[in-house]
Amino acid sequence: MKVLKKATLKVRDRVRSKMERDILAEVNHPFIVKLH
């Protein structure tokens, strides 16, 4: 599991992290934990 602190992320990294989170929320795969 990945844990990121918002205060330490740069703006570019925040955008990438949000995109990654959005993708993981949409993916339906048996090896990926479902985000709610």
N, C-alpha and C. Protein backbone atom coordinates (compact mmCIF):
# COMPACT_ATOMS: atom_id res chain seq x y z
N MET A 1 0.85 -1.16 0.00
CA MET A 1 0.00 0.00 0.00
C MET A 1 0.90 1.23 0.00
N LYS A 2 0.50 2.23 -0.76
CA LYS A 2 1.27 3.46 -0.87
C LYS A 2 0.61 4.53 -0.02
N VAL A 3 1.41 5.23 0.79
CA VAL A 3 0.91 6.32 1.62
C VAL A 3 1.73 7.56 1.28
N LEU A 4 1.05 8.64 0.92
CA LEU A 4 1.73 9.89 0.57
C LEU A 4 1.22 11.02 1.45
N LYS A 5 2.13 11.87 1.91
CA LYS A 5 1.74 13.03 2.70
C LYS A 5 1.52 14.21 1.76
N LYS A 6 0.34 14.81 1.81
CA LYS A 6 -0.01 15.91 0.90
C LYS A 6 0.93 17.09 1.05
N ALA A 7 1.33 17.41 2.27
CA ALA A 7 2.14 18.59 2.52
C ALA A 7 3.52 18.51 1.86
N THR A 8 4.04 17.31 1.66
CA THR A 8 5.38 17.17 1.11
C THR A 8 5.40 16.97 -0.41
N LEU A 9 4.25 16.82 -1.02
CA LEU A 9 4.20 16.60 -2.47
C LEU A 9 4.33 17.91 -3.23
N LYS A 10 5.11 17.90 -4.30
CA LYS A 10 5.19 19.05 -5.19
C LYS A 10 3.94 19.07 -6.05
N VAL A 11 3.67 20.19 -6.69
CA VAL A 11 2.45 20.35 -7.48
C VAL A 11 2.37 19.29 -8.57
N ARG A 12 3.46 19.07 -9.30
CA ARG A 12 3.46 18.07 -10.37
C ARG A 12 3.18 16.68 -9.81
N ASP A 13 3.78 16.38 -8.66
CA ASP A 13 3.57 15.08 -8.04
C ASP A 13 2.14 14.93 -7.55
N ARG A 14 1.52 16.02 -7.11
CA ARG A 14 0.12 15.97 -6.68
C ARG A 14 -0.78 15.60 -7.85
N VAL A 15 -0.52 16.18 -9.00
CA VAL A 15 -1.32 15.89 -10.20
C VAL A 15 -1.17 14.42 -10.58
N ARG A 16 0.07 13.94 -10.58
CA ARG A 16 0.31 12.54 -10.93
C ARG A 16 -0.32 11.60 -9.92
N SER A 17 -0.25 11.95 -8.65
CA SER A 17 -0.84 11.11 -7.60
C SER A 17 -2.35 11.04 -7.75
N LYS A 18 -2.98 12.18 -8.09
CA LYS A 18 -4.43 12.20 -8.27
C LYS A 18 -4.81 11.36 -9.49
N MET A 19 -4.04 11.47 -10.57
CA MET A 19 -4.31 10.67 -11.76
C MET A 19 -4.18 9.18 -11.44
N GLU A 20 -3.15 8.81 -10.69
CA GLU A 20 -2.95 7.41 -10.32
C GLU A 20 -4.11 6.91 -9.47
N ARG A 21 -4.56 7.74 -8.53
CA ARG A 21 -5.67 7.37 -7.65
C ARG A 21 -6.94 7.18 -8.47
N ASP A 22 -7.18 8.09 -9.42
CA ASP A 22 -8.38 7.99 -10.27
C ASP A 22 -8.35 6.71 -11.11
N ILE A 23 -7.18 6.39 -11.65
CA ILE A 23 -7.05 5.16 -12.45
C ILE A 23 -7.30 3.94 -11.59
N LEU A 24 -6.69 3.89 -10.40
CA LEU A 24 -6.87 2.74 -9.51
C LEU A 24 -8.32 2.60 -9.06
N ALA A 25 -9.03 3.72 -8.94
CA ALA A 25 -10.43 3.66 -8.54
C ALA A 25 -11.29 3.03 -9.64
N GLU A 26 -10.88 3.17 -10.90
CA GLU A 26 -11.66 2.66 -12.03
C GLU A 26 -11.30 1.23 -12.42
N VAL A 27 -10.09 0.80 -12.08
CA VAL A 27 -9.60 -0.52 -12.51
C VAL A 27 -10.32 -1.63 -11.76
N ASN A 28 -10.68 -2.67 -12.50
CA ASN A 28 -11.30 -3.84 -11.90
C ASN A 28 -10.42 -5.04 -12.23
N HIS A 29 -9.56 -5.41 -11.27
CA HIS A 29 -8.61 -6.49 -11.48
C HIS A 29 -8.44 -7.26 -10.18
N PRO A 30 -8.33 -8.58 -10.24
CA PRO A 30 -8.26 -9.39 -9.01
C PRO A 30 -7.02 -9.12 -8.16
N PHE A 31 -5.94 -8.60 -8.75
CA PHE A 31 -4.71 -8.36 -7.99
C PHE A 31 -4.58 -6.93 -7.50
N ILE A 32 -5.56 -6.08 -7.79
CA ILE A 32 -5.52 -4.68 -7.35
C ILE A 32 -6.67 -4.45 -6.37
N VAL A 33 -6.32 -3.90 -5.20
CA VAL A 33 -7.32 -3.63 -4.17
C VAL A 33 -8.28 -2.56 -4.67
N LYS A 34 -9.57 -2.76 -4.45
CA LYS A 34 -10.60 -1.80 -4.89
C LYS A 34 -10.61 -0.58 -3.98
N LEU A 35 -10.57 0.61 -4.58
CA LEU A 35 -10.68 1.86 -3.82
C LEU A 35 -12.14 2.28 -3.77
N HIS A 36 -12.54 2.84 -2.66
CA HIS A 36 -13.92 3.30 -2.51
C HIS A 36 -13.97 4.80 -2.40
